[in-house]
């Protein structure tokens, strides 16, 4: 699922809705990991990204690898390149053609198989976006303004008017999930409010327009415990901040970027996220690529200081991405194939969306 940056609600750990979602997530993980369970065939995943710039190692570590794992476990997946959502918080679409195709390229290079997973774009699926109209009737202005993403963006506008698209962004995300009847949405805990809003819309639609019939299933969040990987400046890794190592970077470019990363002056390298966030984030990056713990990486670096730490991180990232880069280069040489993959995915998503919209029209008695 694609989301705008949000901040983690401070009281979420004591929120009953979070506790309930976490319990459902545990059951989902158990179901997915049980190859003998008949319920696995009923699962469908929706996930994706906004094509606002090149994907980076944060995407690779936090989402791309897990998407491939779900796919390889036989879970049906739809991967959205959310091109319409690019303009929720910016004035232009930017280099959207390059960014969309870059997402497709990285998806395939990471191991997403178009024969098993559906890759598609917002703008190519009109019926998905048409679901916004009935869904908007099911939420209030105050509910939308309480959404953490909308609140954070509104606070950051410095008086700039809030666009209608940004205000209704949570409903657009609900349409992303419900159009294909996805019931598994992999997210971090800070994005749980989006899934809870979707569950509410599904519930209200079924009650108000379908007479209690279950037209839409309430999706569950598949919560990830992937640690936060900070950017090169010590802030949250973000395409807009330019503080990331992109998946398109070469090994040499990656090394140069990591050498410039912020650390601290202490010689002994330790994993202390609260006191040493930059150092700890670099340890986490190396650990995730190597399949070790950050503490193990810290012990290996020892008194080597920032220079040795950066050397270890550079080696871990470049070794970890070697296969991805090789596949990426091979795929980039065949742009026709990339477009064929996207066209096929768009056609598949459009077929699903048209069927869903037809059902919605029927239960709303709008078939003429």
Protein backbone atom coordinates (compact mmCIF):
# COMPACT_ATOMS: atom_id res chain seq x y z
CA UNK A 1 0.00 0.00 0.00
CA UNK A 2 1.28 3.43 -0.85
CA UNK A 3 1.16 6.18 1.74
CA UNK A 4 2.34 9.71 2.29
CA UNK A 5 4.83 10.12 5.15
CA UNK A 6 3.19 10.08 8.55
CA UNK A 7 4.33 10.27 12.13
CA UNK A 8 3.64 7.43 14.56
CA UNK A 9 0.82 8.25 16.98
CA UNK A 10 2.40 8.40 20.44
CA UNK A 11 -0.49 6.60 22.15
CA UNK A 12 -0.90 3.85 19.56
CA UNK A 13 0.57 1.19 21.86
CA UNK A 14 -2.38 1.73 24.26
CA UNK A 15 -5.02 2.14 21.54
CA UNK A 16 -7.59 -0.69 21.62
CA UNK A 17 -7.97 -0.48 17.83
CA UNK A 18 -4.24 -1.03 17.45
CA UNK A 19 -4.33 -4.00 19.81
CA UNK A 20 -7.16 -5.55 17.80
CA UNK A 21 -5.35 -4.89 14.50
CA UNK A 22 -2.14 -6.37 15.92
CA UNK A 23 -3.99 -9.51 16.98
CA UNK A 24 -5.50 -9.89 13.51
CA UNK A 25 -2.06 -9.35 11.99
CA UNK A 26 -0.57 -12.16 14.06
CA UNK A 27 -3.26 -14.53 12.81
CA UNK A 28 -2.62 -13.39 9.24
CA UNK A 29 1.10 -14.08 9.54
CA UNK A 30 0.33 -17.55 10.89
CA UNK A 31 -2.08 -18.24 8.05
CA UNK A 32 0.36 -17.05 5.39
CA UNK A 33 3.16 -19.16 6.85
CA UNK A 34 1.04 -22.33 6.98
CA UNK A 35 1.22 -24.02 3.56
CA UNK A 36 -1.39 -26.58 4.64
CA UNK A 37 -4.06 -23.98 5.42
CA UNK A 38 -6.96 -23.86 2.95
CA UNK A 39 -7.63 -20.24 3.94
CA UNK A 40 -4.49 -19.03 2.18
CA UNK A 41 -6.17 -19.23 -1.23
CA UNK A 42 -8.68 -16.60 -0.12
CA UNK A 43 -5.99 -14.02 0.60
CA UNK A 44 -5.28 -11.14 -1.74
CA UNK A 45 -2.63 -8.49 -1.09
CA UNK A 46 -2.69 -4.84 -2.18
CA UNK A 47 0.48 -2.82 -1.87
CA UNK A 48 2.33 -0.17 -3.87
CA UNK A 49 4.21 3.11 -4.10
CA UNK A 50 3.78 6.70 -5.22
CA UNK A 51 6.06 7.34 -8.23
CA UNK A 52 7.44 10.64 -6.93
CA UNK A 53 11.05 9.64 -7.59
CA UNK A 54 13.39 6.64 -7.77
CA UNK A 55 12.86 3.86 -5.24
CA UNK A 56 15.63 3.58 -2.65
CA UNK A 57 17.12 1.03 -0.28
CA UNK A 58 14.49 1.88 2.31
CA UNK A 59 11.83 0.60 -0.08
CA UNK A 60 13.92 -2.46 -0.83
CA UNK A 61 14.44 -3.39 2.82
CA UNK A 62 11.01 -2.46 4.14
CA UNK A 63 8.68 -3.55 1.35
CA UNK A 64 10.09 -4.98 -1.89
CA UNK A 65 11.64 -8.04 -0.28
CA UNK A 66 8.52 -8.79 1.74
CA UNK A 67 6.33 -8.46 -1.36
CA UNK A 68 8.43 -11.07 -3.12
CA UNK A 69 8.21 -13.35 -0.07
CA UNK A 70 4.41 -13.11 -0.04
CA UNK A 71 4.27 -13.79 -3.76
CA UNK A 72 6.60 -16.76 -3.47
CA UNK A 73 4.39 -18.21 -0.72
CA UNK A 74 1.57 -18.27 -3.25
CA UNK A 75 -0.37 -15.23 -2.00
CA UNK A 76 -2.10 -13.35 -4.83
CA UNK A 77 -0.74 -9.81 -4.98
CA UNK A 78 -1.61 -6.56 -6.73
CA UNK A 79 1.10 -3.91 -6.80
CA UNK A 80 -0.07 -0.36 -7.45
CA UNK A 81 2.02 2.41 -8.98
CA UNK A 82 -0.12 5.24 -7.61
CA UNK A 83 0.44 7.87 -10.27
CA UNK A 84 -2.67 9.92 -9.41
CA UNK A 85 -1.46 10.24 -5.83
CA UNK A 86 1.66 12.08 -7.00
CA UNK A 87 -0.37 15.29 -7.16
CA UNK A 88 -1.91 15.04 -3.70
CA UNK A 89 0.78 17.23 -2.16
CA UNK A 90 2.65 18.83 -5.08
CA UNK A 91 1.99 21.19 -7.96
CA UNK A 92 3.15 19.06 -10.87
CA UNK A 93 3.58 15.42 -11.85
CA UNK A 94 7.35 15.82 -12.30
CA UNK A 95 9.17 13.13 -14.27
CA UNK A 96 6.24 10.79 -13.86
CA UNK A 97 6.87 8.64 -16.95
CA UNK A 98 10.42 7.88 -15.85
CA UNK A 99 9.37 7.35 -12.25
CA UNK A 100 6.55 4.96 -13.12
CA UNK A 101 8.74 2.87 -15.38
CA UNK A 102 11.50 3.00 -12.76
CA UNK A 103 9.09 1.48 -10.22
CA UNK A 104 8.16 -1.30 -12.64
CA UNK A 105 11.84 -1.91 -13.33
CA UNK A 106 12.70 -2.21 -9.64
CA UNK A 107 9.69 -4.41 -8.92
CA UNK A 108 10.77 -6.89 -11.58
CA UNK A 109 14.44 -6.71 -10.61
CA UNK A 110 13.51 -7.41 -6.97
CA UNK A 111 11.73 -10.60 -8.04
CA UNK A 112 8.09 -9.64 -8.49
CA UNK A 113 6.82 -12.00 -11.18
CA UNK A 114 4.17 -10.51 -13.52
CA UNK A 115 2.83 -14.03 -14.05
CA UNK A 116 1.99 -14.20 -10.33
CA UNK A 117 1.48 -10.56 -9.35
CA UNK A 118 -0.46 -7.75 -11.04
CA UNK A 119 1.43 -4.47 -11.52
CA UNK A 120 -0.83 -1.55 -12.50
CA UNK A 121 -1.31 2.24 -12.36
CA UNK A 122 -4.15 4.38 -11.01
CA UNK A 123 -4.71 6.32 -14.19
CA UNK A 124 -5.24 3.20 -16.29
CA UNK A 125 -8.11 1.90 -14.13
CA UNK A 126 -11.04 4.36 -14.38
CA UNK A 127 -13.49 2.14 -12.52
CA UNK A 128 -11.24 2.13 -9.44
CA UNK A 129 -11.32 5.90 -9.28
CA UNK A 130 -15.08 6.02 -9.87
CA UNK A 131 -15.56 4.19 -6.57
CA UNK A 132 -14.49 7.41 -4.89
CA UNK A 133 -17.96 8.89 -5.40
CA UNK A 134 -20.01 6.45 -3.30
CA UNK A 135 -17.15 6.05 -0.82
CA UNK A 136 -16.96 9.80 -0.21
CA UNK A 137 -20.60 9.75 0.85
CA UNK A 138 -19.64 7.42 3.69
CA UNK A 139 -17.15 9.70 5.49
CA UNK A 140 -17.40 13.10 7.10
CA UNK A 141 -15.18 16.13 6.70
CA UNK A 142 -14.08 15.87 10.34
CA UNK A 143 -13.16 12.19 9.94
CA UNK A 144 -10.94 13.00 7.00
CA UNK A 145 -9.27 15.87 8.83
CA UNK A 146 -8.48 13.59 11.78
CA UNK A 147 -6.49 11.24 9.56
CA UNK A 148 -2.81 11.51 10.63
CA UNK A 149 -1.57 12.02 7.06
CA UNK A 150 -4.05 14.80 6.36
CA UNK A 151 -3.33 16.42 9.76
CA UNK A 152 0.43 16.31 9.23
CA UNK A 153 0.21 17.69 5.71
CA UNK A 154 -2.16 20.44 6.80
CA UNK A 155 0.21 21.42 9.63
CA UNK A 156 3.09 21.60 7.15
CA UNK A 157 1.34 23.79 4.56
CA UNK A 158 2.21 27.14 6.23
CA UNK A 159 -1.18 28.53 5.31
CA UNK A 160 -1.33 26.97 1.86
CA UNK A 161 -4.87 25.77 1.05
CA UNK A 162 -5.49 22.06 1.51
CA UNK A 163 -6.36 20.50 -1.85
CA UNK A 164 -9.49 18.44 -2.21
CA UNK A 165 -7.38 15.53 -3.44
CA UNK A 166 -5.22 15.57 -0.32
CA UNK A 167 -8.26 15.86 1.94
CA UNK A 168 -9.85 12.82 0.28
CA UNK A 169 -6.57 10.91 0.06
CA UNK A 170 -7.63 8.33 2.71
CA UNK A 171 -10.75 7.55 0.66
CA UNK A 172 -8.70 7.10 -2.48
CA UNK A 173 -6.59 4.60 -0.59
CA UNK A 174 -9.75 2.81 0.49
CA UNK A 175 -10.73 2.54 -3.18
CA UNK A 176 -7.28 1.10 -3.94
CA UNK A 177 -7.85 -1.68 -1.44
CA UNK A 178 -11.55 -2.37 -1.90
CA UNK A 179 -11.77 -2.29 -5.71
CA UNK A 180 -9.89 -5.60 -5.86
CA UNK A 181 -11.33 -6.96 -2.60
CA UNK A 182 -7.87 -7.11 -1.07
CA UNK A 183 -7.96 -8.43 2.47
CA UNK A 184 -4.25 -8.17 3.30
CA UNK A 185 -2.51 -4.78 3.40
CA UNK A 186 1.19 -4.87 4.41
CA UNK A 187 2.04 -1.66 6.29
CA UNK A 188 4.03 -0.23 9.17
CA UNK A 189 2.12 0.59 12.34
CA UNK A 190 2.15 4.34 11.60
CA UNK A 191 -0.08 3.76 8.57
CA UNK A 192 -2.69 1.70 10.39
CA UNK A 193 -5.23 4.58 10.41
CA UNK A 194 -5.53 4.24 6.62
CA UNK A 195 -6.54 0.60 6.89
CA UNK A 196 -8.91 1.37 9.76
CA UNK A 197 -10.56 4.04 7.58
CA UNK A 198 -10.93 1.48 4.79
CA UNK A 199 -12.52 -1.02 7.17
CA UNK A 200 -14.99 1.67 8.24
CA UNK A 201 -15.91 2.53 4.64
CA UNK A 202 -16.43 -1.16 3.80
CA UNK A 203 -18.64 -1.60 6.86
CA UNK A 204 -20.71 1.50 6.12
CA UNK A 205 -21.15 0.63 2.45
CA UNK A 206 -22.39 -2.86 3.30
CA UNK A 207 -24.83 -1.49 5.85
CA UNK A 208 -26.07 1.63 4.05
CA UNK A 209 -26.19 0.59 0.41
CA UNK A 210 -26.16 -3.21 0.40
CA UNK A 211 -28.70 -3.92 3.13
CA UNK A 212 -26.14 -5.79 5.21
CA UNK A 213 -24.89 -7.90 2.32
CA UNK A 214 -21.07 -8.22 2.36
CA UNK A 215 -20.12 -6.51 -0.88
CA UNK A 216 -16.75 -5.49 0.57
CA UNK A 217 -14.69 -7.50 3.02
CA UNK A 218 -13.00 -5.55 5.78
CA UNK A 219 -9.26 -5.78 5.07
CA UNK A 220 -6.65 -6.54 7.69
CA UNK A 221 -3.29 -4.87 8.11
CA UNK A 222 -0.30 -7.16 7.88
CA UNK A 223 1.86 -5.21 10.30
CA UNK A 224 5.57 -5.09 9.69
CA UNK A 225 8.17 -4.82 12.43
CA UNK A 226 10.87 -3.76 9.97
CA UNK A 227 13.07 -1.17 11.73
CA UNK A 228 13.22 2.37 10.42
CA UNK A 229 16.22 3.02 8.19
CA UNK A 230 17.20 6.68 8.36
CA UNK A 231 18.48 8.68 5.44
CA UNK A 232 22.02 9.92 4.91
CA UNK A 233 21.25 13.10 6.87
CA UNK A 234 19.90 11.28 9.90
CA UNK A 235 16.28 12.08 9.00
CA UNK A 236 13.60 9.69 7.73
CA UNK A 237 14.69 8.32 4.35
CA UNK A 238 12.63 10.06 1.70
CA UNK A 239 12.67 10.60 -2.04
CA UNK A 240 11.67 14.23 -1.55
CA UNK A 241 14.52 14.91 0.88
CA UNK A 242 17.15 13.49 -1.46
CA UNK A 243 18.79 11.71 1.47
CA UNK A 244 18.59 8.17 0.16
CA UNK A 245 20.61 5.64 -1.80
CA UNK A 246 18.46 4.84 -4.81
CA UNK A 247 18.22 1.36 -6.29
CA UNK A 248 19.36 2.85 -9.59
CA UNK A 249 22.70 3.97 -8.07
CA UNK A 250 25.87 2.17 -9.12
CA UNK A 251 28.20 0.53 -6.62
CA UNK A 252 30.57 3.50 -6.86
CA UNK A 253 27.77 6.03 -6.45
CA UNK A 254 26.48 4.10 -3.45
CA UNK A 255 29.92 4.12 -1.82
CA UNK A 256 30.30 7.86 -2.38
CA UNK A 257 26.89 8.58 -0.85
CA UNK A 258 27.44 6.43 2.22
CA UNK A 259 30.86 7.99 2.87
CA UNK A 260 29.08 11.35 3.14
CA UNK A 261 26.49 10.06 5.60
CA UNK A 262 26.21 11.70 9.01
CA UNK A 263 27.57 9.78 12.02
CA UNK A 264 29.15 11.08 15.26
CA UNK A 265 32.59 11.56 16.79
CA UNK A 266 32.66 8.52 19.12
CA UNK A 267 35.30 5.95 18.18
CA UNK A 268 33.59 2.91 19.64
CA UNK A 269 30.65 1.82 17.50
CA UNK A 270 27.58 0.80 19.50
CA UNK A 271 23.94 0.18 18.67
CA UNK A 272 22.02 2.76 20.69
CA UNK A 273 19.09 4.04 18.62
CA UNK A 274 17.97 6.60 21.18
CA UNK A 275 21.40 8.14 21.80
CA UNK A 276 23.12 7.49 18.46
CA UNK A 277 20.37 7.39 15.79
CA UNK A 278 22.63 7.95 12.77
CA UNK A 279 25.17 5.29 13.74
CA UNK A 280 22.40 2.89 14.74
CA UNK A 281 20.61 3.40 11.44
CA UNK A 282 23.76 2.54 9.51
CA UNK A 283 24.21 -0.57 11.64
CA UNK A 284 20.58 -1.50 10.92
CA UNK A 285 21.11 -1.07 7.18
CA UNK A 286 24.14 -3.35 7.16
CA UNK A 287 22.37 -5.87 9.39
CA UNK A 288 19.28 -6.06 7.18
CA UNK A 289 21.37 -6.69 4.08
CA UNK A 290 23.55 -9.28 5.83
CA UNK A 291 20.83 -11.05 7.78
CA UNK A 292 22.53 -10.32 11.11
CA UNK A 293 21.63 -8.19 14.10
CA UNK A 294 22.78 -4.55 14.43
CA UNK A 295 24.57 -5.54 17.64
CA UNK A 296 26.60 -8.15 15.76
CA UNK A 297 27.63 -5.57 13.17
CA UNK A 298 28.60 -3.14 15.93
CA UNK A 299 30.81 -5.80 17.55
CA UNK A 300 32.51 -6.46 14.22
CA UNK A 301 33.30 -2.76 13.74
CA UNK A 302 34.32 -2.27 17.38
CA UNK A 303 36.76 0.62 17.77
CA UNK A 304 37.07 1.11 14.02
CA UNK A 305 35.11 4.34 14.17
CA UNK A 306 32.94 5.93 11.50
CA UNK A 307 35.32 5.11 8.65
CA UNK A 308 35.25 1.38 9.36
CA UNK A 309 31.49 1.46 9.94
CA UNK A 310 30.93 3.09 6.57
CA UNK A 311 33.19 0.56 4.89
CA UNK A 312 31.14 -2.28 6.36
CA UNK A 313 27.87 -0.64 5.30
CA UNK A 314 29.13 -0.01 1.77
CA UNK A 315 30.15 -3.65 1.42
CA UNK A 316 26.85 -4.91 2.82
CA UNK A 317 24.71 -2.71 0.56
CA UNK A 318 26.71 -3.36 -2.60
CA UNK A 319 26.84 -7.10 -2.01
CA UNK A 320 23.16 -7.19 -1.10
CA UNK A 321 22.12 -5.28 -4.22
CA UNK A 322 24.47 -6.99 -6.68
CA UNK A 323 21.80 -9.35 -8.01
CA UNK A 324 19.17 -6.60 -8.13
CA UNK A 325 21.50 -4.33 -10.10
CA UNK A 326 22.38 -7.07 -12.55
CA UNK A 327 18.73 -7.90 -13.22
CA UNK A 328 17.85 -4.22 -13.37
CA UNK A 329 20.42 -3.56 -16.07
CA UNK A 330 19.17 -6.51 -18.12
CA UNK A 331 15.54 -5.43 -17.82
CA UNK A 332 16.30 -1.77 -18.56
CA UNK A 333 17.59 -2.81 -21.96
CA UNK A 334 14.11 -3.99 -22.97
CA UNK A 335 11.71 -1.09 -22.46
CA UNK A 336 9.11 -2.77 -24.66
CA UNK A 337 8.90 -5.66 -22.21
CA UNK A 338 8.41 -3.29 -19.27
CA UNK A 339 5.53 -1.60 -21.07
CA UNK A 340 4.01 -4.95 -21.96
CA UNK A 341 4.11 -5.94 -18.29
CA UNK A 342 2.38 -2.73 -17.27
CA UNK A 343 -0.24 -2.97 -20.02
CA UNK A 344 -1.08 -6.53 -19.03
CA UNK A 345 -1.32 -5.56 -15.36
CA UNK A 346 -3.49 -2.55 -16.18
CA UNK A 347 -5.84 -4.74 -18.20
CA UNK A 348 -6.11 -7.25 -15.36
CA UNK A 349 -6.76 -4.53 -12.75
CA UNK A 350 -9.30 -2.84 -15.02
CA UNK A 351 -11.19 -6.11 -15.42
CA UNK A 352 -11.38 -6.53 -11.63
CA UNK A 353 -12.43 -2.90 -11.12
CA UNK A 354 -15.18 -3.05 -13.74
CA UNK A 355 -16.66 -6.14 -12.08
CA UNK A 356 -16.57 -4.44 -8.67
CA UNK A 357 -18.15 -1.26 -10.01
CA UNK A 358 -20.90 -3.29 -11.69
CA UNK A 359 -21.70 -4.88 -8.33
CA UNK A 360 -21.72 -1.50 -6.62
CA UNK A 361 -24.11 -0.09 -9.22
CA UNK A 362 -26.36 -3.08 -8.83
CA UNK A 363 -26.67 -2.91 -5.03
CA UNK A 364 -27.14 0.87 -5.27
CA UNK A 365 -29.89 0.32 -7.88
CA UNK A 366 -28.03 2.40 -10.44
CA UNK A 367 -28.19 0.05 -13.40
CA UNK A 368 -30.19 1.62 -16.22
